[in-house]
Amino acid sequence: MPKIDASTIAEHRETIWKRLRDGFLQAVEEEGYGALTLASIARRAGIARNTIYNYAPTKDALLVAVVKSEAEPFVAALVEECARIDDPEDRLAHLVRRQLAVLVPGVHGLAVVNALENMLPEDVSAAIAACFEPVFAVVAGIVQQGIAAGNFRPVADVRRLVEMMVGVVHAARRSVVAGAPVDLIVAETTEFLLGGLRGREARRRAAAPRE
């Protein structure tokens, strides 16, 4: 029976999981996800390779588990923060800033997704996207509130629009990964999204000189 270096089995599992997570993130950073093996992850984590199977059966499953463990507290905090912001435009700006800031290269944790562009099977990409589903709900709520208040133009399909907005943020993430200043990309992305949500008439009113 393996030695338990903790007061309970649950604490032992959590300790091993943290080592496995850190070893995984280090391995991705140093080797790239495509070249990664469970053996190299185990070596960095200081555990036996077979131990990994207690947490995930494959490299892709381990990736999803790591992203989920990183995403859950971030998403929960972001949803709570957004709930405290009444103005939909301010809420959207906050959401964009927080999402891009957490994905800056060199930030340990969720920034691992930067190394995965066009590398994952569709089911793995879908599993990772599901980790952020509560954020999509926040964006949908922002759109619906802005439309109801008359700040945003009506749209035929809110979910489709949210998917388009997510695509814009993904493009912004690629700019951040390429080294563009985060503050600049946040400002440009927020203004682009709000411009599309307001519609042409609202943009004209916003741009008109005040008397």
N, C-alpha and C. Protein backbone atom coordinates (compact mmCIF):
# COMPACT_ATOMS: atom_id res chain seq x y z
N MET A 1 0.86 -1.19 0.00
CA MET A 1 0.00 0.00 0.00
C MET A 1 0.89 1.25 0.00
N PRO A 2 0.61 2.24 -0.88
CA PRO A 2 1.46 3.43 -0.94
C PRO A 2 1.41 4.24 0.34
N LYS A 3 2.51 4.89 0.63
CA LYS A 3 2.60 5.72 1.83
C LYS A 3 1.73 6.96 1.68
N ILE A 4 0.99 7.29 2.73
CA ILE A 4 0.12 8.46 2.73
C ILE A 4 0.79 9.57 3.53
N ASP A 5 1.24 10.63 2.83
CA ASP A 5 1.93 11.74 3.50
C ASP A 5 0.93 12.84 3.86
N ALA A 6 -0.13 12.46 4.57
CA ALA A 6 -1.14 13.42 4.99
C ALA A 6 -1.99 12.76 6.06
N SER A 7 -2.78 13.57 6.77
CA SER A 7 -3.58 13.03 7.87
C SER A 7 -4.77 12.24 7.37
N THR A 8 -5.23 12.52 6.13
CA THR A 8 -6.35 11.78 5.55
C THR A 8 -6.05 11.44 4.10
N ILE A 9 -6.77 10.47 3.58
CA ILE A 9 -6.60 10.10 2.17
C ILE A 9 -6.99 11.27 1.27
N ALA A 10 -8.04 12.00 1.65
CA ALA A 10 -8.49 13.15 0.84
C ALA A 10 -7.39 14.21 0.75
N GLU A 11 -6.72 14.49 1.87
CA GLU A 11 -5.63 15.46 1.86
C GLU A 11 -4.46 14.95 1.02
N HIS A 12 -4.20 13.65 1.11
CA HIS A 12 -3.13 13.06 0.30
C HIS A 12 -3.44 13.21 -1.19
N ARG A 13 -4.67 12.92 -1.57
CA ARG A 13 -5.06 13.05 -2.98
C ARG A 13 -4.92 14.49 -3.45
N GLU A 14 -5.29 15.42 -2.60
CA GLU A 14 -5.19 16.84 -2.96
C GLU A 14 -3.74 17.25 -3.13
N THR A 15 -2.86 16.76 -2.26
CA THR A 15 -1.44 17.07 -2.37
C THR A 15 -0.85 16.52 -3.67
N ILE A 16 -1.19 15.27 -3.98
CA ILE A 16 -0.70 14.68 -5.23
C ILE A 16 -1.26 15.42 -6.43
N TRP A 17 -2.55 15.80 -6.35
CA TRP A 17 -3.16 16.54 -7.46
C TRP A 17 -2.42 17.86 -7.71
N LYS A 18 -2.07 18.59 -6.67
CA LYS A 18 -1.37 19.86 -6.84
C LYS A 18 -0.01 19.64 -7.50
N ARG A 19 0.68 18.59 -7.09
CA ARG A 19 1.98 18.27 -7.73
C ARG A 19 1.78 17.89 -9.19
N LEU A 20 0.73 17.13 -9.45
CA LEU A 20 0.44 16.72 -10.83
C LEU A 20 0.07 17.92 -11.68
N ARG A 21 -0.75 18.79 -11.14
CA ARG A 21 -1.13 20.02 -11.86
C ARG A 21 0.09 20.86 -12.19
N ASP A 22 0.94 21.09 -11.18
CA ASP A 22 2.12 21.92 -11.40
C ASP A 22 3.08 21.26 -12.39
N GLY A 23 3.22 19.93 -12.28
CA GLY A 23 4.08 19.22 -13.22
C GLY A 23 3.55 19.29 -14.63
N PHE A 24 2.24 19.20 -14.78
CA PHE A 24 1.61 19.31 -16.10
C PHE A 24 1.85 20.69 -16.71
N LEU A 25 1.59 21.73 -15.95
CA LEU A 25 1.75 23.09 -16.46
C LEU A 25 3.21 23.37 -16.83
N GLN A 26 4.13 22.89 -16.01
CA GLN A 26 5.55 23.07 -16.30
C GLN A 26 5.93 22.33 -17.57
N ALA A 27 5.42 21.12 -17.73
CA ALA A 27 5.75 20.33 -18.92
C ALA A 27 5.21 20.97 -20.19
N VAL A 28 3.99 21.49 -20.14
CA VAL A 28 3.42 22.17 -21.31
C VAL A 28 4.28 23.37 -21.69
N GLU A 29 4.67 24.14 -20.67
CA GLU A 29 5.48 25.34 -20.92
C GLU A 29 6.82 24.99 -21.53
N GLU A 30 7.44 23.92 -21.09
CA GLU A 30 8.80 23.58 -21.53
C GLU A 30 8.83 22.73 -22.79
N GLU A 31 7.83 21.86 -22.97
CA GLU A 31 7.86 20.92 -24.09
C GLU A 31 6.83 21.22 -25.17
N GLY A 32 5.76 21.95 -24.80
CA GLY A 32 4.65 22.10 -25.72
C GLY A 32 3.69 20.94 -25.56
N TYR A 33 2.42 21.18 -25.77
CA TYR A 33 1.43 20.15 -25.50
C TYR A 33 1.54 18.97 -26.46
N GLY A 34 1.85 19.25 -27.72
CA GLY A 34 1.91 18.18 -28.71
C GLY A 34 2.94 17.12 -28.38
N ALA A 35 4.09 17.52 -27.83
CA ALA A 35 5.18 16.58 -27.54
C ALA A 35 5.06 15.96 -26.15
N LEU A 36 4.08 16.37 -25.41
CA LEU A 36 3.97 15.99 -24.01
C LEU A 36 3.63 14.51 -23.84
N THR A 37 4.24 13.88 -22.85
CA THR A 37 3.90 12.50 -22.50
C THR A 37 3.57 12.42 -21.02
N LEU A 38 2.80 11.41 -20.66
CA LEU A 38 2.48 11.22 -19.25
C LEU A 38 3.73 10.94 -18.43
N ALA A 39 4.72 10.30 -19.05
CA ALA A 39 5.98 10.02 -18.34
C ALA A 39 6.69 11.30 -17.95
N SER A 40 6.72 12.28 -18.86
CA SER A 40 7.41 13.54 -18.55
C SER A 40 6.64 14.33 -17.50
N ILE A 41 5.31 14.25 -17.53
CA ILE A 41 4.51 14.92 -16.50
C ILE A 41 4.78 14.30 -15.14
N ALA A 42 4.79 12.96 -15.10
CA ALA A 42 5.03 12.27 -13.83
C ALA A 42 6.41 12.60 -13.27
N ARG A 43 7.39 12.69 -14.15
CA ARG A 43 8.75 13.00 -13.71
C ARG A 43 8.80 14.37 -13.05
N ARG A 44 8.16 15.34 -13.65
CA ARG A 44 8.17 16.69 -13.07
C ARG A 44 7.36 16.75 -11.78
N ALA A 45 6.31 15.96 -11.72
CA ALA A 45 5.46 15.96 -10.53
C ALA A 45 6.07 15.15 -9.39
N GLY A 46 7.09 14.33 -9.71
CA GLY A 46 7.70 13.50 -8.69
C GLY A 46 6.82 12.36 -8.24
N ILE A 47 6.04 11.82 -9.19
CA ILE A 47 5.15 10.71 -8.88
C ILE A 47 5.34 9.61 -9.91
N ALA A 48 4.83 8.42 -9.61
CA ALA A 48 4.88 7.33 -10.58
C ALA A 48 3.88 7.59 -11.70
N ARG A 49 4.25 7.16 -12.90
CA ARG A 49 3.36 7.39 -14.03
C ARG A 49 1.98 6.79 -13.80
N ASN A 50 1.95 5.59 -13.24
CA ASN A 50 0.66 4.94 -13.01
C ASN A 50 -0.24 5.73 -12.07
N THR A 51 0.35 6.56 -11.22
CA THR A 51 -0.45 7.37 -10.29
C THR A 51 -1.34 8.35 -11.04
N ILE A 52 -0.89 8.79 -12.20
CA ILE A 52 -1.68 9.74 -12.99
C ILE A 52 -3.05 9.16 -13.32
N TYR A 53 -3.10 7.85 -13.53
CA TYR A 53 -4.36 7.22 -13.93
C TYR A 53 -5.43 7.28 -12.84
N ASN A 54 -5.02 7.60 -11.61
CA ASN A 54 -6.00 7.81 -10.54
C ASN A 54 -6.72 9.14 -10.70
N TYR A 55 -6.18 10.00 -11.57
CA TYR A 55 -6.75 11.34 -11.75
C TYR A 55 -7.26 11.58 -13.16
N ALA A 56 -6.65 10.94 -14.14
CA ALA A 56 -7.06 11.11 -15.53
C ALA A 56 -6.51 9.96 -16.36
N PRO A 57 -7.31 9.42 -17.28
CA PRO A 57 -6.86 8.25 -18.05
C PRO A 57 -5.94 8.59 -19.22
N THR A 58 -5.98 9.84 -19.70
CA THR A 58 -5.19 10.24 -20.87
C THR A 58 -4.65 11.65 -20.67
N LYS A 59 -3.75 12.02 -21.57
CA LYS A 59 -3.19 13.38 -21.54
C LYS A 59 -4.30 14.41 -21.75
N ASP A 60 -5.20 14.16 -22.70
CA ASP A 60 -6.28 15.10 -22.96
C ASP A 60 -7.22 15.23 -21.76
N ALA A 61 -7.49 14.11 -21.12
CA ALA A 61 -8.36 14.14 -19.94
C ALA A 61 -7.69 14.91 -18.80
N LEU A 62 -6.39 14.77 -18.68
CA LEU A 62 -5.66 15.52 -17.66
C LEU A 62 -5.71 17.01 -17.97
N LEU A 63 -5.57 17.36 -19.24
CA LEU A 63 -5.68 18.76 -19.64
C LEU A 63 -7.02 19.34 -19.22
N VAL A 64 -8.10 18.63 -19.53
CA VAL A 64 -9.43 19.11 -19.17
C VAL A 64 -9.56 19.25 -17.66
N ALA A 65 -9.02 18.28 -16.92
CA ALA A 65 -9.10 18.34 -15.46
C ALA A 65 -8.35 19.55 -14.91
N VAL A 66 -7.16 19.83 -15.47
CA VAL A 66 -6.37 20.98 -15.01
C VAL A 66 -7.09 22.29 -15.35
N VAL A 67 -7.57 22.41 -16.59
CA VAL A 67 -8.28 23.64 -16.97
C VAL A 67 -9.52 23.83 -16.11
N LYS A 68 -10.25 22.75 -15.85
CA LYS A 68 -11.45 22.86 -15.02
C LYS A 68 -11.10 23.32 -13.61
N SER A 69 -10.02 22.77 -13.05
CA SER A 69 -9.64 23.15 -11.69
C SER A 69 -9.21 24.61 -11.61
N GLU A 70 -8.63 25.13 -12.71
CA GLU A 70 -8.22 26.53 -12.76
C GLU A 70 -9.41 27.43 -13.06
N ALA A 71 -10.30 26.94 -13.92
CA ALA A 71 -11.41 27.78 -14.39
C ALA A 71 -12.48 27.97 -13.33
N GLU A 72 -12.75 26.95 -12.54
CA GLU A 72 -13.88 27.02 -11.61
C GLU A 72 -13.79 28.19 -10.63
N PRO A 73 -12.67 28.38 -9.92
CA PRO A 73 -12.62 29.54 -9.01
C PRO A 73 -12.59 30.87 -9.75
N PHE A 74 -11.91 30.90 -10.92
CA PHE A 74 -11.87 32.14 -11.69
C PHE A 74 -13.26 32.52 -12.18
N VAL A 75 -13.97 31.55 -12.75
CA VAL A 75 -15.31 31.82 -13.29
C VAL A 75 -16.27 32.21 -12.17
N ALA A 76 -16.20 31.52 -11.05
CA ALA A 76 -17.09 31.84 -9.92
C ALA A 76 -16.85 33.27 -9.44
N ALA A 77 -15.58 33.67 -9.33
CA ALA A 77 -15.26 35.04 -8.90
C ALA A 77 -15.73 36.06 -9.92
N LEU A 78 -15.53 35.74 -11.21
CA LEU A 78 -15.91 36.68 -12.27
C LEU A 78 -17.43 36.87 -12.30
N VAL A 79 -18.19 35.78 -12.16
CA VAL A 79 -19.64 35.89 -12.15
C VAL A 79 -20.10 36.75 -10.97
N GLU A 80 -19.47 36.55 -9.81
CA GLU A 80 -19.83 37.34 -8.63
C GLU A 80 -19.48 38.81 -8.82
N GLU A 81 -18.32 39.08 -9.38
CA GLU A 81 -17.91 40.47 -9.62
C GLU A 81 -18.88 41.16 -10.58
N CYS A 82 -19.23 40.46 -11.66
CA CYS A 82 -20.13 41.05 -12.65
C CYS A 82 -21.51 41.32 -12.07
N ALA A 83 -21.95 40.47 -11.14
CA ALA A 83 -23.26 40.66 -10.52
C ALA A 83 -23.33 41.94 -9.71
N ARG A 84 -22.17 42.44 -9.28
CA ARG A 84 -22.13 43.68 -8.48
C ARG A 84 -22.06 44.93 -9.34
N ILE A 85 -21.97 44.77 -10.66
CA ILE A 85 -21.87 45.92 -11.56
C ILE A 85 -23.21 46.08 -12.27
N ASP A 86 -23.88 47.20 -12.05
CA ASP A 86 -25.23 47.40 -12.58
C ASP A 86 -25.24 47.73 -14.07
N ASP A 87 -24.35 48.60 -14.50
CA ASP A 87 -24.37 49.06 -15.88
C ASP A 87 -23.85 47.96 -16.82
N PRO A 88 -24.63 47.58 -17.84
CA PRO A 88 -24.19 46.47 -18.71
C PRO A 88 -22.91 46.76 -19.47
N GLU A 89 -22.69 48.02 -19.84
CA GLU A 89 -21.46 48.36 -20.57
C GLU A 89 -20.25 48.25 -19.65
N ASP A 90 -20.39 48.73 -18.43
CA ASP A 90 -19.29 48.60 -17.45
C ASP A 90 -19.03 47.13 -17.13
N ARG A 91 -20.09 46.34 -17.06
CA ARG A 91 -19.94 44.92 -16.76
C ARG A 91 -19.19 44.21 -17.89
N LEU A 92 -19.53 44.57 -19.12
CA LEU A 92 -18.83 43.95 -20.25
C LEU A 92 -17.36 44.35 -20.26
N ALA A 93 -17.07 45.60 -19.98
CA ALA A 93 -15.68 46.05 -19.94
C ALA A 93 -14.89 45.31 -18.88
N HIS A 94 -15.49 45.11 -17.72
CA HIS A 94 -14.82 44.38 -16.64
C HIS A 94 -14.57 42.94 -17.05
N LEU A 95 -15.55 42.33 -17.66
CA LEU A 95 -15.43 40.93 -18.07
C LEU A 95 -14.30 40.76 -19.09
N VAL A 96 -14.24 41.64 -20.07
CA VAL A 96 -13.19 41.55 -21.08
C VAL A 96 -11.81 41.71 -20.44
N ARG A 97 -11.68 42.69 -19.56
CA ARG A 97 -10.39 42.92 -18.90
C ARG A 97 -9.94 41.71 -18.10
N ARG A 98 -10.84 41.16 -17.32
CA ARG A 98 -10.47 40.02 -16.47
C ARG A 98 -10.11 38.80 -17.30
N GLN A 99 -10.85 38.55 -18.37
CA GLN A 99 -10.58 37.38 -19.20
C GLN A 99 -9.23 37.49 -19.90
N LEU A 100 -8.93 38.65 -20.43
CA LEU A 100 -7.66 38.80 -21.15
C LEU A 100 -6.48 38.83 -20.19
N ALA A 101 -6.66 39.43 -19.02
CA ALA A 101 -5.55 39.51 -18.06
C ALA A 101 -5.13 38.14 -17.57
N VAL A 102 -6.09 37.23 -17.40
CA VAL A 102 -5.76 35.91 -16.85
C VAL A 102 -5.09 35.02 -17.89
N LEU A 103 -5.13 35.43 -19.17
CA LEU A 103 -4.55 34.63 -20.25
C LEU A 103 -3.24 35.20 -20.77
N VAL A 104 -2.70 36.19 -20.09
CA VAL A 104 -1.41 36.77 -20.50
C VAL A 104 -0.32 35.71 -20.39
N PRO A 105 0.53 35.57 -21.41
CA PRO A 105 1.63 34.60 -21.32
C PRO A 105 2.47 34.82 -20.08
N GLY A 106 2.84 33.73 -19.43
CA GLY A 106 3.63 33.82 -18.21
C GLY A 106 2.80 33.74 -16.95
N VAL A 107 1.47 33.95 -17.08
CA VAL A 107 0.58 33.80 -15.94
C VAL A 107 0.31 32.31 -15.76
N HIS A 108 0.62 31.79 -14.59
CA HIS A 108 0.51 30.35 -14.35
C HIS A 108 -0.96 29.96 -14.22
N GLY A 109 -1.37 28.93 -14.90
CA GLY A 109 -2.73 28.43 -14.74
C GLY A 109 -3.49 28.42 -16.04
N LEU A 110 -4.54 29.26 -16.15
CA LEU A 110 -5.39 29.24 -17.33
C LEU A 110 -4.67 29.62 -18.61
N ALA A 111 -3.56 30.32 -18.50
CA ALA A 111 -2.81 30.70 -19.70
C ALA A 111 -2.31 29.47 -20.47
N VAL A 112 -2.44 28.28 -19.89
CA VAL A 112 -2.06 27.06 -20.60
C VAL A 112 -2.83 26.92 -21.90
N VAL A 113 -4.04 27.48 -21.98
CA VAL A 113 -4.83 27.35 -23.21
C VAL A 113 -4.17 28.04 -24.39
N ASN A 114 -3.23 28.96 -24.11
CA ASN A 114 -2.53 29.63 -25.21
C ASN A 114 -1.71 28.66 -26.04
N ALA A 115 -1.32 27.54 -25.45
CA ALA A 115 -0.46 26.58 -26.14
C ALA A 115 -1.25 25.54 -26.92
N LEU A 116 -2.57 25.72 -26.99
CA LEU A 116 -3.41 24.65 -27.52
C LEU A 116 -4.13 25.01 -28.82
N GLU A 117 -3.77 26.12 -29.42
CA GLU A 117 -4.47 26.60 -30.61
C GLU A 117 -4.50 25.54 -31.70
N ASN A 118 -5.72 25.14 -32.11
CA ASN A 118 -5.94 24.20 -33.21
C ASN A 118 -5.25 22.85 -33.01
N MET A 119 -5.04 22.44 -31.76
CA MET A 119 -4.34 21.19 -31.49
C MET A 119 -5.24 20.10 -30.94
N LEU A 120 -6.44 20.44 -30.50
CA LEU A 120 -7.23 19.51 -29.71
C LEU A 120 -8.37 18.89 -30.51
N PRO A 121 -8.72 17.66 -30.21
CA PRO A 121 -9.93 17.05 -30.80
C PRO A 121 -11.16 17.87 -30.42
N GLU A 122 -12.18 17.78 -31.22
CA GLU A 122 -13.38 18.59 -31.01
C GLU A 122 -14.01 18.34 -29.65
N ASP A 123 -14.02 17.08 -29.20
CA ASP A 123 -14.65 16.79 -27.91
C ASP A 123 -13.87 17.38 -26.75
N VAL A 124 -12.54 17.45 -26.87
CA VAL A 124 -11.72 18.04 -25.82
C VAL A 124 -11.91 19.55 -25.79
N SER A 125 -11.93 20.17 -26.97
CA SER A 125 -12.19 21.62 -27.04
C SER A 125 -13.56 21.95 -26.45
N ALA A 126 -14.56 21.11 -26.72
CA ALA A 126 -15.89 21.34 -26.18
C ALA A 126 -15.91 21.21 -24.66
N ALA A 127 -15.14 20.25 -24.14
CA ALA A 127 -15.08 20.07 -22.69
C ALA A 127 -14.43 21.27 -22.01
N ILE A 128 -13.41 21.82 -22.65
CA ILE A 128 -12.76 23.01 -22.10
C ILE A 128 -13.70 24.21 -22.17
N ALA A 129 -14.38 24.37 -23.31
CA ALA A 129 -15.33 25.48 -23.45
C ALA A 129 -16.43 25.41 -22.40
N ALA A 130 -16.85 24.19 -22.05
CA ALA A 130 -17.91 24.02 -21.06
C ALA A 130 -17.51 24.57 -19.70
N CYS A 131 -16.22 24.60 -19.42
CA CYS A 131 -15.74 25.15 -18.14
C CYS A 131 -16.09 26.63 -18.01
N PHE A 132 -16.29 27.29 -19.15
CA PHE A 132 -16.54 28.74 -19.14
C PHE A 132 -18.00 29.07 -19.46
N GLU A 133 -18.85 28.07 -19.46
CA GLU A 133 -20.26 28.29 -19.80
C GLU A 133 -20.92 29.35 -18.93
N PRO A 134 -20.65 29.43 -17.61
CA PRO A 134 -21.27 30.49 -16.82
C PRO A 134 -20.91 31.89 -17.30
N VAL A 135 -19.71 32.05 -17.89
CA VAL A 135 -19.33 33.36 -18.42
C VAL A 135 -20.18 33.70 -19.63
N PHE A 136 -20.46 32.69 -20.47
CA PHE A 136 -21.32 32.93 -21.63
C PHE A 136 -22.71 33.40 -21.17
N ALA A 137 -23.18 32.83 -20.06
CA ALA A 137 -24.48 33.24 -19.52
C ALA A 137 -24.44 34.69 -19.05
N VAL A 138 -23.31 35.10 -18.47
CA VAL A 138 -23.16 36.51 -18.05
C VAL A 138 -23.21 37.43 -19.27
N VAL A 139 -22.50 37.05 -20.33
CA VAL A 139 -22.50 37.87 -21.54
C VAL A 139 -23.91 37.96 -22.12
N ALA A 140 -24.62 36.84 -22.15
CA ALA A 140 -25.99 36.85 -22.65
C ALA A 140 -26.86 37.79 -21.82
N GLY A 141 -26.66 37.76 -20.50
CA GLY A 141 -27.41 38.66 -19.63
C GLY A 141 -27.09 40.12 -19.88
N ILE A 142 -25.83 40.41 -20.17
CA ILE A 142 -25.43 41.79 -20.50
C ILE A 142 -26.16 42.25 -21.76
N VAL A 143 -26.16 41.40 -22.78
CA VAL A 143 -26.83 41.74 -24.04
C VAL A 143 -28.32 41.97 -23.81
N GLN A 144 -28.96 41.06 -23.09
CA GLN A 144 -30.40 41.16 -22.87
C GLN A 144 -30.76 42.40 -22.05
N GLN A 145 -29.95 42.70 -21.03
CA GLN A 145 -30.23 43.89 -20.22
C GLN A 145 -30.06 45.15 -21.04
N GLY A 146 -28.99 45.20 -21.85
CA GLY A 146 -28.75 46.38 -22.68
C GLY A 146 -29.85 46.59 -23.71
N ILE A 147 -30.38 45.51 -24.27
CA ILE A 147 -31.47 45.62 -25.23
C ILE A 147 -32.73 46.13 -24.54
N ALA A 148 -33.03 45.55 -23.37
CA ALA A 148 -34.24 45.95 -22.63
C ALA A 148 -34.18 47.42 -22.22
N ALA A 149 -32.98 47.92 -21.94
CA ALA A 149 -32.83 49.32 -21.52
C ALA A 149 -32.77 50.27 -22.72
N GLY A 150 -32.71 49.72 -23.91
CA GLY A 150 -32.63 50.56 -25.11
C GLY A 150 -31.23 51.01 -25.43
N ASN A 151 -30.22 50.49 -24.71
CA ASN A 151 -28.83 50.87 -24.97
C ASN A 151 -28.23 50.09 -26.15
N PHE A 152 -28.71 48.86 -26.34
CA PHE A 152 -28.21 48.02 -27.42
C PHE A 152 -29.32 47.77 -28.43
N ARG A 153 -28.93 47.52 -29.65
CA ARG A 153 -29.90 47.23 -30.71
C ARG A 153 -30.53 45.85 -30.49
N PRO A 154 -31.75 45.65 -30.92
CA PRO A 154 -32.36 44.31 -30.83
C PRO A 154 -31.63 43.33 -31.74
N VAL A 155 -31.59 42.07 -31.34
CA VAL A 155 -30.95 41.04 -32.15
C VAL A 155 -31.89 39.85 -32.27
N ALA A 156 -31.73 39.09 -33.34
CA ALA A 156 -32.61 37.96 -33.61
C ALA A 156 -32.29 36.77 -32.71
N ASP A 157 -31.00 36.58 -32.37
CA ASP A 157 -30.59 35.39 -31.62
C ASP A 157 -29.45 35.79 -30.69
N VAL A 158 -29.76 35.90 -29.40
CA VAL A 158 -28.76 36.34 -28.43
C VAL A 158 -27.61 35.35 -28.34
N ARG A 159 -27.91 34.07 -28.32
CA ARG A 159 -26.85 33.07 -28.20
C ARG A 159 -25.87 33.15 -29.36
N ARG A 160 -26.40 33.34 -30.58
CA ARG A 160 -25.52 33.46 -31.74
C ARG A 160 -24.63 34.69 -31.62
N LEU A 161 -25.21 35.78 -31.14
CA LEU A 161 -24.41 37.00 -30.96
C LEU A 161 -23.33 36.79 -29.91
N VAL A 162 -23.66 36.09 -28.83
CA VAL A 162 -22.67 35.81 -27.80
C VAL A 162 -21.52 35.01 -28.38
N GLU A 163 -21.81 34.03 -29.23
CA GLU A 163 -20.75 33.24 -29.86
C GLU A 163 -19.85 34.12 -30.71
N MET A 164 -20.43 35.11 -31.41
CA MET A 164 -19.63 36.05 -32.19
C MET A 164 -18.74 36.88 -31.28
N MET A 165 -19.29 37.32 -30.15
CA MET A 165 -18.51 38.12 -29.21
C MET A 165 -17.36 37.31 -28.63
N VAL A 166 -17.62 36.03 -28.34
CA VAL A 166 -16.56 35.15 -27.85
C VAL A 166 -15.45 35.04 -28.89
N GLY A 167 -15.82 34.97 -30.17
CA GLY A 167 -14.82 34.92 -31.23
C GLY A 167 -13.94 36.17 -31.24
N VAL A 168 -14.54 37.33 -30.98
CA VAL A 168 -13.76 38.57 -30.93
C VAL A 168 -12.77 38.52 -29.77
N VAL A 169 -13.20 38.03 -28.61
CA VAL A 169 -12.31 37.96 -27.46
C VAL A 169 -11.18 36.95 -27.72
N HIS A 170 -11.48 35.86 -28.42
CA HIS A 170 -10.43 34.90 -28.78
C HIS A 170 -9.38 35.55 -29.67
N ALA A 171 -9.84 36.37 -30.62
CA ALA A 171 -8.90 37.08 -31.49
C ALA A 171 -8.05 38.05 -30.68
N ALA A 172 -8.68 38.71 -29.70
CA ALA A 172 -7.93 39.62 -28.82
C ALA A 172 -6.90 38.85 -28.02
N ARG A 173 -7.25 37.65 -27.56
CA ARG A 173 -6.30 36.82 -26.81
C ARG A 173 -5.07 36.52 -27.65
N ARG A 174 -5.27 36.23 -28.93
CA ARG A 174 -4.12 35.94 -29.80
C ARG A 174 -3.21 37.15 -29.91
N SER A 175 -3.78 38.35 -29.92
CA SER A 175 -2.96 39.57 -29.96
C SER A 175 -2.16 39.72 -28.67
N VAL A 176 -2.80 39.42 -27.53
CA VAL A 176 -2.10 39.50 -26.24
C VAL A 176 -0.97 38.48 -26.19
N VAL A 177 -1.25 37.25 -26.67
CA VAL A 177 -0.22 36.21 -26.69
C VAL A 177 0.95 36.63 -27.57
N ALA A 178 0.65 37.35 -28.65
CA ALA A 178 1.70 37.80 -29.56
C ALA A 178 2.52 38.95 -28.99
N GLY A 179 2.11 39.49 -27.84
CA GLY A 179 2.90 40.52 -27.18
C GLY A 179 2.30 41.91 -27.18
N ALA A 180 1.10 42.08 -27.71
CA ALA A 180 0.46 43.39 -27.70
C ALA A 180 0.13 43.80 -26.26
N PRO A 181 0.19 45.11 -25.94
CA PRO A 181 -0.11 45.56 -24.57
C PRO A 181 -1.53 45.20 -24.17
N VAL A 182 -1.68 44.62 -22.99
CA VAL A 182 -3.00 44.16 -22.55
C VAL A 182 -3.99 45.31 -22.47
N ASP A 183 -3.58 46.44 -21.88
CA ASP A 183 -4.50 47.57 -21.72
C ASP A 183 -5.02 48.06 -23.07
N LEU A 184 -4.15 48.10 -24.06
CA LEU A 184 -4.56 48.55 -25.40
C LEU A 184 -5.57 47.58 -26.00
N ILE A 185 -5.28 46.28 -25.92
CA ILE A 185 -6.17 45.28 -26.50
C ILE A 185 -7.51 45.25 -25.77
N VAL A 186 -7.47 45.39 -24.45
CA VAL A 186 -8.72 45.45 -23.68
C VAL A 186 -9.58 46.62 -24.14
N ALA A 187 -8.96 47.79 -24.28
CA ALA A 187 -9.70 48.99 -24.69
C ALA A 187 -10.27 48.82 -26.10
N GLU A 188 -9.47 48.32 -27.01
CA GLU A 188 -9.93 48.15 -28.39
C GLU A 188 -11.04 47.10 -28.48
N THR A 189 -10.87 46.02 -27.76
CA THR A 189 -11.87 44.94 -27.79
C THR A 189 -13.19 45.41 -27.20
N THR A 190 -13.13 46.09 -26.08
CA THR A 190 -14.35 46.58 -25.43
C THR A 190 -15.08 47.56 -26.33
N GLU A 191 -14.34 48.49 -26.93
CA GLU A 191 -14.97 49.48 -27.79
C GLU A 191 -15.58 48.84 -29.03
N PHE A 192 -14.89 47.85 -29.58
CA PHE A 192 -15.41 47.14 -30.75
C PHE A 192 -16.71 46.42 -30.41
N LEU A 193 -16.73 45.72 -29.30
CA LEU A 193 -17.92 44.97 -28.90
C LEU A 193 -19.09 45.91 -28.60
N LEU A 194 -18.82 46.99 -27.87
CA LEU A 194 -19.89 47.92 -27.53
C LEU A 194 -20.41 48.64 -28.78
N GLY A 195 -19.51 48.94 -29.71
CA GLY A 195 -19.95 49.57 -30.95
C GLY A 195 -20.91 48.68 -31.72
N GLY A 196 -20.62 47.39 -31.76
CA GLY A 196 -21.52 46.47 -32.44
C GLY A 196 -22.83 46.29 -31.71
N LEU A 197 -22.80 46.31 -30.41
CA LEU A 197 -24.02 46.14 -29.63
C LEU A 197 -24.93 47.36 -29.71
N ARG A 198 -24.33 48.53 -29.76
CA ARG A 198 -25.14 49.75 -29.78
C ARG A 198 -25.86 49.94 -31.11
N GLY A 199 -25.24 49.53 -32.20
CA GLY A 199 -25.84 49.76 -33.51
C GLY A 199 -25.47 51.12 -34.06
N ARG A 200 -25.75 51.33 -35.33
CA ARG A 200 -25.29 52.55 -36.00
C ARG A 200 -25.93 53.81 -35.44
N GLU A 201 -27.22 53.77 -35.15
CA GLU A 201 -27.90 54.97 -34.67
C GLU A 201 -27.34 55.41 -33.31
N ALA A 202 -27.14 54.44 -32.42
CA ALA A 202 -26.59 54.77 -31.11
C ALA A 202 -25.17 55.28 -31.23
N ARG A 203 -24.41 54.72 -32.17
CA ARG A 203 -23.04 55.20 -32.36
C ARG A 203 -23.04 56.63 -32.85
N ARG A 204 -23.98 56.96 -33.73
CA ARG A 204 -24.05 58.35 -34.21
C ARG A 204 -24.40 59.29 -33.08
N ARG A 205 -25.32 58.87 -32.21
CA ARG A 205 -25.70 59.73 -31.08
C ARG A 205 -24.52 59.92 -30.13
N ALA A 206 -23.77 58.84 -29.91
CA ALA A 206 -22.62 58.92 -29.00
C ALA A 206 -21.54 59.81 -29.56
N ALA A 207 -21.40 59.80 -30.90
CA ALA A 207 -20.34 60.57 -31.53
C ALA A 207 -20.72 62.02 -31.77
N ALA A 208 -22.01 62.35 -31.68
CA ALA A 208 -22.46 63.72 -31.95
C ALA A 208 -21.94 64.67 -30.89
N PRO A 209 -21.49 65.87 -31.29
CA PRO A 209 -21.01 66.84 -30.30
C PRO A 209 -22.13 67.32 -29.39
N ARG A 210 -21.80 67.49 -28.13
CA ARG A 210 -22.80 67.95 -27.17
C ARG A 210 -22.89 69.46 -27.20
N GLU A 211 -24.12 69.96 -27.06
CA GLU A 211 -24.31 71.43 -27.08
C GLU A 211 -24.00 72.04 -25.72
